[in-house]
N, C-alpha and C. Protein backbone atom coordinates (compact mmCIF):
# COMPACT_ATOMS: atom_id res chain seq x y z
N MET A 1 98.13 140.99 109.06
CA MET A 1 97.80 139.39 108.31
C MET A 1 97.22 138.40 109.18
N GLN A 2 96.07 137.71 108.93
CA GLN A 2 95.82 136.98 109.87
C GLN A 2 96.60 135.80 109.44
N ASP A 3 96.36 134.76 110.76
CA ASP A 3 97.15 133.54 110.76
C ASP A 3 95.70 132.30 110.38
N HIS A 4 94.71 132.67 110.46
CA HIS A 4 93.29 131.89 110.14
C HIS A 4 92.44 132.49 109.57
N ASN A 5 91.40 131.89 108.64
CA ASN A 5 90.51 132.57 108.03
C ASN A 5 89.04 131.63 108.54
N TYR A 6 88.72 131.87 109.83
CA TYR A 6 87.76 131.17 110.20
C TYR A 6 86.52 131.13 109.57
N ASP A 7 86.42 132.16 109.14
CA ASP A 7 84.84 132.06 107.86
C ASP A 7 84.97 130.89 106.75
N VAL A 8 86.01 130.67 106.42
CA VAL A 8 86.27 129.32 105.38
C VAL A 8 86.19 127.76 106.19
N LEU A 9 86.38 128.08 107.53
CA LEU A 9 86.10 126.62 108.29
C LEU A 9 84.85 126.82 108.47
N SER A 10 84.01 127.82 108.83
CA SER A 10 82.59 127.63 108.78
C SER A 10 81.80 126.86 107.73
N LYS A 11 82.28 126.55 106.66
CA LYS A 11 81.47 126.27 105.27
C LYS A 11 81.13 124.58 106.03
N THR A 12 80.65 124.10 105.29
CA THR A 12 80.39 122.51 105.42
C THR A 12 81.31 122.02 104.33
N TYR A 13 81.22 120.72 104.05
CA TYR A 13 82.19 120.19 102.91
C TYR A 13 81.07 118.48 103.27
N SER A 14 80.74 118.02 102.13
CA SER A 14 79.99 116.85 101.86
C SER A 14 81.03 115.71 101.64
N LEU A 15 80.79 114.61 102.01
CA LEU A 15 80.88 113.43 101.32
C LEU A 15 80.06 112.64 100.78
N THR A 16 80.71 111.86 99.83
CA THR A 16 79.71 110.79 98.69
C THR A 16 79.39 109.58 99.53
N ASN A 17 78.35 108.96 98.75
CA ASN A 17 78.53 107.70 99.35
C ASN A 17 79.51 106.68 99.50
N TYR A 18 80.43 106.68 98.09
CA TYR A 18 81.75 105.88 98.26
C TYR A 18 82.60 106.24 99.76
N SER A 19 82.88 107.89 99.80
CA SER A 19 83.28 108.23 100.64
C SER A 19 83.24 107.71 101.74
N GLU A 20 81.68 107.98 102.14
CA GLU A 20 81.28 107.24 103.64
C GLU A 20 81.62 105.97 103.68
N ASN A 21 81.57 105.39 102.84
CA ASN A 21 81.97 103.67 102.82
C ASN A 21 83.33 103.70 102.96
N VAL A 22 84.32 104.40 102.74
CA VAL A 22 86.02 104.30 102.81
C VAL A 22 86.25 104.96 104.12
N VAL A 23 85.22 105.73 104.89
CA VAL A 23 85.32 106.45 105.70
C VAL A 23 85.34 105.44 106.90
N SER A 24 84.07 104.83 106.63
CA SER A 24 83.66 103.61 107.42
C SER A 24 84.55 102.53 108.13
N TYR A 25 84.91 102.14 106.65
CA TYR A 25 86.33 101.24 106.52
C TYR A 25 87.47 101.52 106.98
N ILE A 26 87.71 102.67 106.94
CA ILE A 26 89.10 103.48 108.06
C ILE A 26 88.69 103.05 109.74
N ALA A 27 87.70 103.52 109.85
CA ALA A 27 87.14 103.18 111.38
C ALA A 27 87.19 101.99 111.22
N GLY A 28 87.19 101.00 111.03
CA GLY A 28 87.64 99.96 111.70
C GLY A 28 88.50 99.38 111.84
N TYR A 29 89.83 100.29 111.07
CA TYR A 29 91.01 100.03 111.24
C TYR A 29 91.20 100.84 112.64
N VAL A 30 90.78 102.21 112.43
CA VAL A 30 90.92 102.80 114.08
C VAL A 30 90.76 102.48 115.11
N ILE A 31 89.54 101.60 115.05
CA ILE A 31 89.00 100.39 116.48
C ILE A 31 90.42 99.63 116.38
N LYS A 32 90.83 98.87 115.82
CA LYS A 32 92.42 98.03 115.79
C LYS A 32 93.34 99.13 116.55
N MET A 33 93.45 99.94 116.18
CA MET A 33 94.64 101.08 116.73
C MET A 33 94.22 101.64 117.87
N ILE A 34 93.03 101.95 118.29
CA ILE A 34 92.77 102.20 119.60
C ILE A 34 92.79 100.61 120.85
N LYS A 35 92.43 99.40 120.17
CA LYS A 35 92.72 98.66 121.20
C LYS A 35 93.73 98.27 121.45
N LYS A 36 95.08 98.81 120.88
CA LYS A 36 96.25 98.62 121.37
C LYS A 36 96.58 99.51 122.52
N THR A 37 95.65 100.40 122.73
CA THR A 37 96.29 101.52 124.14
C THR A 37 95.02 101.04 125.24
N VAL A 38 93.93 100.81 124.60
CA VAL A 38 92.59 101.23 125.47
C VAL A 38 92.66 99.71 126.12
N HIS A 39 92.16 99.61 127.44
CA HIS A 39 92.04 97.88 127.53
C HIS A 39 90.86 98.00 128.36
N CYS A 40 89.90 99.29 128.49
CA CYS A 40 88.58 99.72 129.13
C CYS A 40 87.34 98.57 128.35
N GLU A 41 86.96 97.69 128.79
CA GLU A 41 85.79 97.11 128.40
C GLU A 41 84.57 98.01 127.33
N ASP A 42 84.31 98.92 128.77
CA ASP A 42 83.10 99.68 128.64
C ASP A 42 83.46 100.84 127.37
N CYS A 43 85.12 101.26 127.30
CA CYS A 43 85.30 101.99 125.91
C CYS A 43 85.39 101.48 124.46
N LEU A 44 85.54 100.06 124.70
CA LEU A 44 85.95 99.47 123.33
C LEU A 44 84.41 99.20 122.94
N SER A 45 83.58 98.65 123.62
CA SER A 45 82.29 98.25 123.48
C SER A 45 81.39 99.42 122.74
N LEU A 46 82.03 101.14 123.02
CA LEU A 46 81.08 102.15 122.10
C LEU A 46 81.60 102.39 121.27
N LEU A 47 82.84 101.52 120.56
CA LEU A 47 83.24 101.69 119.61
C LEU A 47 83.13 100.81 118.33
N ILE A 48 82.73 99.67 118.73
CA ILE A 48 82.13 98.68 117.85
C ILE A 48 80.47 98.09 117.85
N GLU A 49 79.96 98.23 116.56
CA GLU A 49 78.75 98.14 116.35
C GLU A 49 78.21 96.73 116.21
N GLU A 50 77.45 96.22 116.79
CA GLU A 50 76.79 94.95 117.42
C GLU A 50 76.18 93.95 115.93
N ASN A 51 75.39 95.42 115.34
CA ASN A 51 74.52 94.82 114.58
C ASN A 51 74.28 95.42 113.19
N PRO A 52 75.62 95.31 112.20
CA PRO A 52 75.69 96.52 111.34
C PRO A 52 74.59 96.27 110.20
N ASP A 53 73.84 97.34 109.97
CA ASP A 53 72.88 97.27 109.01
C ASP A 53 73.12 98.00 108.07
N ASP A 54 73.81 99.41 108.25
CA ASP A 54 74.10 100.44 107.99
C ASP A 54 74.34 100.41 106.56
N PRO A 55 74.01 101.27 105.41
CA PRO A 55 74.56 100.90 103.93
C PRO A 55 76.16 101.42 104.13
N ASN A 56 76.86 102.46 105.05
CA ASN A 56 77.82 102.54 104.79
C ASN A 56 78.68 101.36 105.00
N TYR A 57 78.51 100.41 105.57
CA TYR A 57 79.07 99.34 105.88
C TYR A 57 79.71 98.59 104.64
N TYR A 58 79.07 98.73 103.80
CA TYR A 58 78.86 98.01 102.27
C TYR A 58 80.20 97.35 102.18
N LEU A 59 81.45 98.27 101.90
CA LEU A 59 82.42 97.72 101.80
C LEU A 59 83.43 96.93 102.84
N ILE A 60 82.95 97.30 103.96
CA ILE A 60 83.51 96.39 105.10
C ILE A 60 82.91 94.85 104.91
N LYS A 61 81.48 94.71 104.83
CA LYS A 61 81.03 93.79 104.58
C LYS A 61 81.32 92.77 102.97
N ARG A 62 81.76 93.74 102.21
CA ARG A 62 82.40 92.96 100.82
C ARG A 62 83.75 92.08 101.35
N ARG A 63 84.44 92.95 101.77
CA ARG A 63 85.49 92.59 102.07
C ARG A 63 86.17 91.78 103.41
N ASN A 64 84.56 91.55 104.39
CA ASN A 64 85.02 90.87 105.26
C ASN A 64 85.30 89.70 105.02
N LEU A 65 85.88 88.81 105.92
CA LEU A 65 86.34 87.44 105.92
C LEU A 65 86.17 86.67 107.50
N GLY A 66 85.66 87.76 108.36
CA GLY A 66 85.89 87.59 109.72
C GLY A 66 86.36 88.23 110.84
N ALA A 67 87.59 88.99 109.71
CA ALA A 67 88.34 89.83 111.01
C ALA A 67 87.98 91.21 111.00
N TYR A 68 87.42 91.51 109.94
CA TYR A 68 87.10 93.22 110.18
C TYR A 68 86.00 93.37 111.60
N LEU A 69 86.32 94.86 112.01
CA LEU A 69 85.35 95.29 112.91
C LEU A 69 84.61 96.21 112.09
N PHE A 70 83.35 96.09 112.65
CA PHE A 70 82.65 97.33 112.49
C PHE A 70 82.19 98.51 113.22
N PRO A 71 82.47 99.69 112.97
CA PRO A 71 82.58 100.73 113.65
C PRO A 71 81.31 101.04 114.10
N SER A 72 81.15 101.73 115.17
CA SER A 72 79.84 102.34 115.96
C SER A 72 79.50 103.81 115.10
N LYS A 73 78.14 104.22 114.93
CA LYS A 73 77.36 105.07 114.36
C LYS A 73 77.86 106.25 114.34
N SER A 74 78.64 106.40 115.91
CA SER A 74 79.32 107.34 116.59
C SER A 74 80.63 107.67 116.00
N LEU A 75 81.52 106.27 115.94
CA LEU A 75 82.55 106.85 115.79
C LEU A 75 82.67 106.86 113.97
N VAL A 76 81.68 106.21 113.40
CA VAL A 76 81.35 106.67 111.93
C VAL A 76 81.67 108.67 111.70
N LEU A 77 80.70 108.62 112.71
CA LEU A 77 80.21 110.18 112.68
C LEU A 77 81.50 111.07 113.02
N ILE A 78 82.41 111.06 113.71
CA ILE A 78 83.64 111.31 114.24
C ILE A 78 84.70 111.48 112.95
N CYS A 79 84.79 110.52 112.61
CA CYS A 79 85.76 110.02 111.45
C CYS A 79 85.56 110.75 110.15
N SER A 80 84.05 110.80 110.00
CA SER A 80 83.57 111.54 108.98
C SER A 80 83.73 113.14 109.05
N GLU A 81 83.25 113.59 110.28
CA GLU A 81 83.81 115.08 110.51
C GLU A 81 85.29 115.15 110.41
N THR A 82 85.98 114.38 110.75
CA THR A 82 87.80 114.64 110.62
C THR A 82 87.64 114.20 108.86
N GLU A 83 87.09 113.35 108.56
CA GLU A 83 87.56 113.54 107.04
C GLU A 83 87.15 115.12 106.03
N LYS A 84 85.97 115.24 106.53
CA LYS A 84 85.62 116.66 106.15
C LYS A 84 86.34 117.81 106.22
N PHE A 85 86.70 117.93 107.59
CA PHE A 85 87.78 118.87 108.34
C PHE A 85 89.16 118.62 107.43
N ILE A 86 89.85 117.55 107.35
CA ILE A 86 91.25 117.35 106.54
C ILE A 86 90.65 117.82 105.38
N ARG A 87 89.75 117.56 104.28
CA ARG A 87 89.54 117.95 102.88
C ARG A 87 89.47 119.43 102.56
N LEU A 88 88.57 119.92 104.00
CA LEU A 88 88.59 121.41 103.45
C LEU A 88 89.96 122.20 104.16
N LEU A 89 90.60 121.68 104.91
CA LEU A 89 92.01 121.89 105.03
C LEU A 89 93.17 121.92 103.61
N MET A 90 92.60 120.72 103.12
CA MET A 90 93.45 120.83 101.77
C MET A 90 93.02 121.63 100.84
N ASN A 91 92.07 122.08 100.77
CA ASN A 91 91.23 122.62 99.80
C ASN A 91 92.08 124.10 100.06
N LEU A 92 92.05 124.48 101.17
CA LEU A 92 92.56 125.86 101.81
C LEU A 92 94.00 125.68 101.05
N LYS A 93 94.94 124.89 101.33
CA LYS A 93 96.17 124.84 100.86
C LYS A 93 96.29 124.15 99.74
N ASP A 94 95.60 124.29 99.17
CA ASP A 94 95.78 124.02 97.49
C ASP A 94 96.65 122.75 97.48
N ASP A 95 95.94 121.47 98.15
CA ASP A 95 96.22 120.05 97.88
C ASP A 95 97.66 119.91 98.68
N ARG A 96 98.34 120.92 99.25
CA ARG A 96 99.36 120.60 100.24
C ARG A 96 99.15 119.89 101.36
N LEU A 97 100.33 119.43 101.37
CA LEU A 97 100.13 118.56 103.06
C LEU A 97 100.08 119.46 103.76
N PRO A 98 99.10 119.29 105.18
CA PRO A 98 98.73 120.25 106.45
C PRO A 98 100.07 120.40 107.05
N SER A 99 99.84 121.03 107.94
CA SER A 99 101.03 121.70 108.74
C SER A 99 101.20 120.43 110.19
N THR A 100 102.11 120.29 110.79
CA THR A 100 102.21 119.99 112.03
C THR A 100 101.40 119.92 112.89
N ASP A 101 100.53 120.96 113.35
CA ASP A 101 99.66 120.98 114.39
C ASP A 101 98.28 120.82 113.84
N LEU A 102 98.37 120.05 112.70
CA LEU A 102 97.12 119.71 112.20
C LEU A 102 96.19 118.64 113.19
N VAL A 103 96.39 117.73 113.76
CA VAL A 103 95.89 117.11 114.98
C VAL A 103 95.16 118.02 115.72
N ASN A 104 95.89 118.94 116.23
CA ASN A 104 95.42 119.77 117.53
C ASN A 104 94.37 120.47 116.62
N ASN A 105 94.35 121.17 115.45
CA ASN A 105 93.16 121.93 114.90
C ASN A 105 91.89 121.35 114.80
N ILE A 106 92.33 120.01 114.42
CA ILE A 106 91.48 119.53 114.16
C ILE A 106 90.32 118.77 115.43
N VAL A 107 91.37 118.44 116.22
CA VAL A 107 90.47 118.02 117.58
C VAL A 107 89.47 118.82 118.27
N ILE A 108 90.13 120.26 118.06
CA ILE A 108 89.64 121.74 118.59
C ILE A 108 88.50 121.74 117.67
N ASN A 109 88.43 121.84 116.78
CA ASN A 109 87.37 122.30 115.53
C ASN A 109 86.33 121.15 115.62
N VAL A 110 86.86 119.78 115.19
CA VAL A 110 85.80 118.76 115.53
C VAL A 110 85.01 118.50 116.88
N SER A 111 85.70 118.89 117.92
CA SER A 111 85.34 118.11 119.03
C SER A 111 84.28 119.56 119.31
N ALA A 112 84.54 120.55 119.12
CA ALA A 112 83.53 122.19 118.91
C ALA A 112 82.06 121.36 118.71
N LYS A 113 82.44 121.26 117.43
CA LYS A 113 81.48 120.82 116.19
C LYS A 113 80.53 119.88 116.96
N LEU A 114 81.19 118.38 117.42
CA LEU A 114 80.81 117.37 117.60
C LEU A 114 80.41 117.16 118.80
N LEU A 115 80.67 117.77 120.01
CA LEU A 115 80.06 117.21 121.26
C LEU A 115 78.70 117.80 121.51
N PRO A 116 78.28 118.65 121.11
CA PRO A 116 76.69 119.05 121.25
C PRO A 116 75.82 117.72 120.64
N ASN A 117 76.55 117.48 119.79
CA ASN A 117 75.58 116.24 119.10
C ASN A 117 75.80 115.01 119.51
N LEU A 118 76.99 114.63 119.84
CA LEU A 118 77.45 113.59 120.66
C LEU A 118 76.38 113.61 122.26
N GLY A 119 76.25 114.63 122.46
CA GLY A 119 75.48 114.27 123.97
C GLY A 119 74.10 113.59 123.82
N ARG A 120 73.86 113.28 122.73
CA ARG A 120 72.70 112.55 122.88
C ARG A 120 72.80 110.91 122.27
N THR A 121 74.10 110.82 121.86
CA THR A 121 74.57 109.56 122.04
C THR A 121 75.10 108.84 123.35
N VAL A 122 75.79 107.33 123.22
CA VAL A 122 76.08 106.59 124.36
C VAL A 122 77.85 107.49 124.94
N TYR A 123 78.26 108.26 124.14
CA TYR A 123 79.33 108.72 124.35
C TYR A 123 79.20 109.91 125.41
N SER A 124 78.16 109.94 125.64
CA SER A 124 77.96 111.10 126.45
C SER A 124 78.02 110.96 127.99
N ASN A 125 77.14 109.24 128.30
CA ASN A 125 77.23 108.97 129.06
C ASN A 125 78.59 108.45 129.88
N HIS A 126 79.63 108.36 128.93
CA HIS A 126 80.89 107.52 129.63
C HIS A 126 81.59 108.48 129.71
N GLU A 127 82.63 107.99 130.69
CA GLU A 127 83.70 109.21 131.83
C GLU A 127 85.00 109.25 130.62
N HIS A 128 85.02 108.23 129.87
CA HIS A 128 86.43 108.63 129.40
C HIS A 128 85.71 108.99 127.78
N SER A 129 84.67 109.76 127.76
CA SER A 129 84.39 110.14 126.23
C SER A 129 85.48 111.07 125.53
N PHE A 130 85.91 111.99 126.10
CA PHE A 130 86.64 113.25 125.50
C PHE A 130 87.86 112.69 125.08
N HIS A 131 88.66 111.65 125.64
CA HIS A 131 89.60 111.00 125.89
C HIS A 131 89.63 109.85 124.41
N LEU A 132 88.45 109.00 124.44
CA LEU A 132 88.17 108.63 123.36
C LEU A 132 88.00 109.35 121.79
N LEU A 133 87.55 110.44 121.94
CA LEU A 133 87.15 111.08 121.02
C LEU A 133 88.57 111.86 120.30
N LYS A 134 89.41 112.03 121.20
CA LYS A 134 90.80 112.46 120.84
C LYS A 134 91.51 111.34 120.40
N MET A 135 91.69 110.40 120.96
CA MET A 135 91.85 109.29 120.45
C MET A 135 91.48 108.62 118.58
N THR A 136 90.33 109.01 118.44
CA THR A 136 89.81 108.80 117.42
C THR A 136 90.60 109.89 116.18
N ILE A 137 90.28 110.61 116.35
CA ILE A 137 91.04 111.75 115.75
C ILE A 137 92.21 111.88 115.26
N TYR A 138 92.89 111.43 116.40
CA TYR A 138 94.28 111.56 116.41
C TYR A 138 94.52 109.99 115.42
N SER A 139 93.90 109.08 115.49
CA SER A 139 94.14 107.80 115.21
C SER A 139 93.65 107.97 113.39
N TYR A 140 92.85 108.77 113.25
CA TYR A 140 92.38 108.85 111.81
C TYR A 140 92.97 109.74 110.98
N CYS A 141 93.59 110.93 111.67
CA CYS A 141 94.44 111.75 111.14
C CYS A 141 96.08 111.33 110.66
N LYS A 142 96.45 110.23 111.67
CA LYS A 142 97.66 109.31 111.43
C LYS A 142 97.43 108.55 110.12
N ILE A 143 96.19 107.59 110.14
CA ILE A 143 96.03 107.00 108.95
C ILE A 143 96.10 108.00 107.39
N ARG A 144 95.55 109.44 107.73
CA ARG A 144 95.35 109.85 106.18
C ARG A 144 96.44 110.80 106.03
N CYS A 145 96.92 110.87 107.17
CA CYS A 145 98.63 111.61 107.29
C CYS A 145 99.47 110.83 106.11
N HIS A 146 99.67 109.39 106.89
CA HIS A 146 100.64 108.67 105.98
C HIS A 146 99.79 108.64 104.40
N ASN A 147 98.90 108.22 103.94
CA ASN A 147 98.13 108.17 102.71
C ASN A 147 98.42 109.35 102.02
N LEU A 148 98.16 110.65 102.63
CA LEU A 148 98.73 111.68 102.00
C LEU A 148 99.96 111.89 101.65
N ALA A 149 100.71 111.96 102.87
CA ALA A 149 102.54 111.91 102.37
C ALA A 149 102.79 110.47 100.84
N LYS A 150 102.39 109.38 101.06
CA LYS A 150 102.53 108.56 100.10
C LYS A 150 102.16 109.21 98.84
N THR A 151 100.89 109.42 98.54
CA THR A 151 100.41 110.19 97.29
C THR A 151 101.14 111.08 96.93
N PHE A 152 101.65 111.95 97.80
CA PHE A 152 102.57 113.31 97.42
C PHE A 152 103.86 112.65 97.18
N THR A 153 104.65 111.87 97.84
CA THR A 153 106.19 111.46 97.39
C THR A 153 106.15 110.62 96.09
N ALA A 154 104.75 109.77 95.48
CA ALA A 154 104.41 109.02 94.56
C ALA A 154 104.45 110.41 93.37
N THR A 155 103.98 111.37 93.60
CA THR A 155 103.81 112.58 92.39
C THR A 155 105.03 113.17 92.60
N VAL A 156 105.93 112.98 93.56
CA VAL A 156 107.33 114.29 93.56
C VAL A 156 108.08 112.97 92.77
N GLN A 157 107.93 111.88 93.12
CA GLN A 157 109.08 110.64 92.58
C GLN A 157 108.96 110.51 90.48
N GLY A 158 107.27 110.38 90.73
CA GLY A 158 107.00 110.15 89.09
C GLY A 158 107.05 108.55 88.83
N ASP A 159 107.16 108.06 88.11
CA ASP A 159 106.75 106.84 87.78
C ASP A 159 108.04 106.07 87.72
N ALA A 160 108.15 105.02 88.41
CA ALA A 160 109.28 104.36 88.20
C ALA A 160 110.12 103.47 87.20
N ILE A 161 111.30 103.93 86.85
CA ILE A 161 111.57 103.57 85.46
C ILE A 161 112.01 101.80 85.63
N ARG A 162 112.53 101.64 86.90
CA ARG A 162 112.47 100.08 87.26
C ARG A 162 111.52 99.28 87.14
N LYS A 163 110.38 99.96 87.55
CA LYS A 163 109.13 99.08 87.77
C LYS A 163 108.56 98.78 86.19
N LYS A 164 108.62 100.08 85.51
CA LYS A 164 108.15 99.64 83.57
C LYS A 164 108.84 98.77 82.69
N PHE A 165 110.46 98.97 83.10
CA PHE A 165 111.48 98.35 82.05
C PHE A 165 112.21 97.23 83.02
N SER A 166 111.77 96.72 83.91
CA SER A 166 112.87 95.86 84.70
C SER A 166 113.99 95.20 83.96
N LYS A 167 113.73 94.19 82.64
CA LYS A 167 114.78 93.64 82.11
C LYS A 167 116.00 94.85 81.31
N LEU A 168 115.07 95.82 80.66
CA LEU A 168 115.70 96.68 79.75
C LEU A 168 116.82 97.48 80.78
N ILE A 169 116.39 98.16 81.72
CA ILE A 169 117.51 98.82 82.89
C ILE A 169 118.37 97.77 83.23
N ILE A 170 118.00 96.87 83.64
CA ILE A 170 119.41 95.75 84.05
C ILE A 170 120.22 96.03 82.66
N PHE A 171 120.19 96.21 81.79
CA PHE A 171 120.82 96.16 80.97
C PHE A 171 121.75 97.15 80.55
N HIS A 172 120.77 98.51 80.69
CA HIS A 172 121.71 99.92 80.72
C HIS A 172 122.12 100.68 81.86
N HIS A 173 122.61 99.47 83.00
CA HIS A 173 123.40 99.34 84.00
C HIS A 173 122.26 100.67 85.00
N GLN A 174 121.06 100.53 85.29
CA GLN A 174 120.55 101.89 86.10
C GLN A 174 120.37 101.18 87.40
């Protein structure tokens, strides 16, 4: 019996425009997570877009009051590929939560797919490029795993009775 089905992993998964906007929005938060640990100005400048004119920044522009960071196109590309791989794994596992080695699998597969493409971007000339790639994928996976766990917990617990009938529950001693 095989542990992995690599033929299925070679298939591509596409994201809608809305999903691309959400991925860009999450990528802005990934920048904030990375800024806590990375203090290299060159590395941080690779993550932030100075002139955001891409339509994938619509959600960030809509919600922005000055505090949101616009991710670079390379960062959005990394996060998009990570999202596609997470969705592919979720599809393979019948929408169950991925296993603990999720991040390592995603780093290996996304890096193998993206490193030739990132050769044409500013990441290729930078000495910390693989470390940034790894941190980006790890941060994005952490955000998505928290979201997946939260939605899974909500489905397992069901609707909270106290939320619906707060006064009625008080009188029924629950």
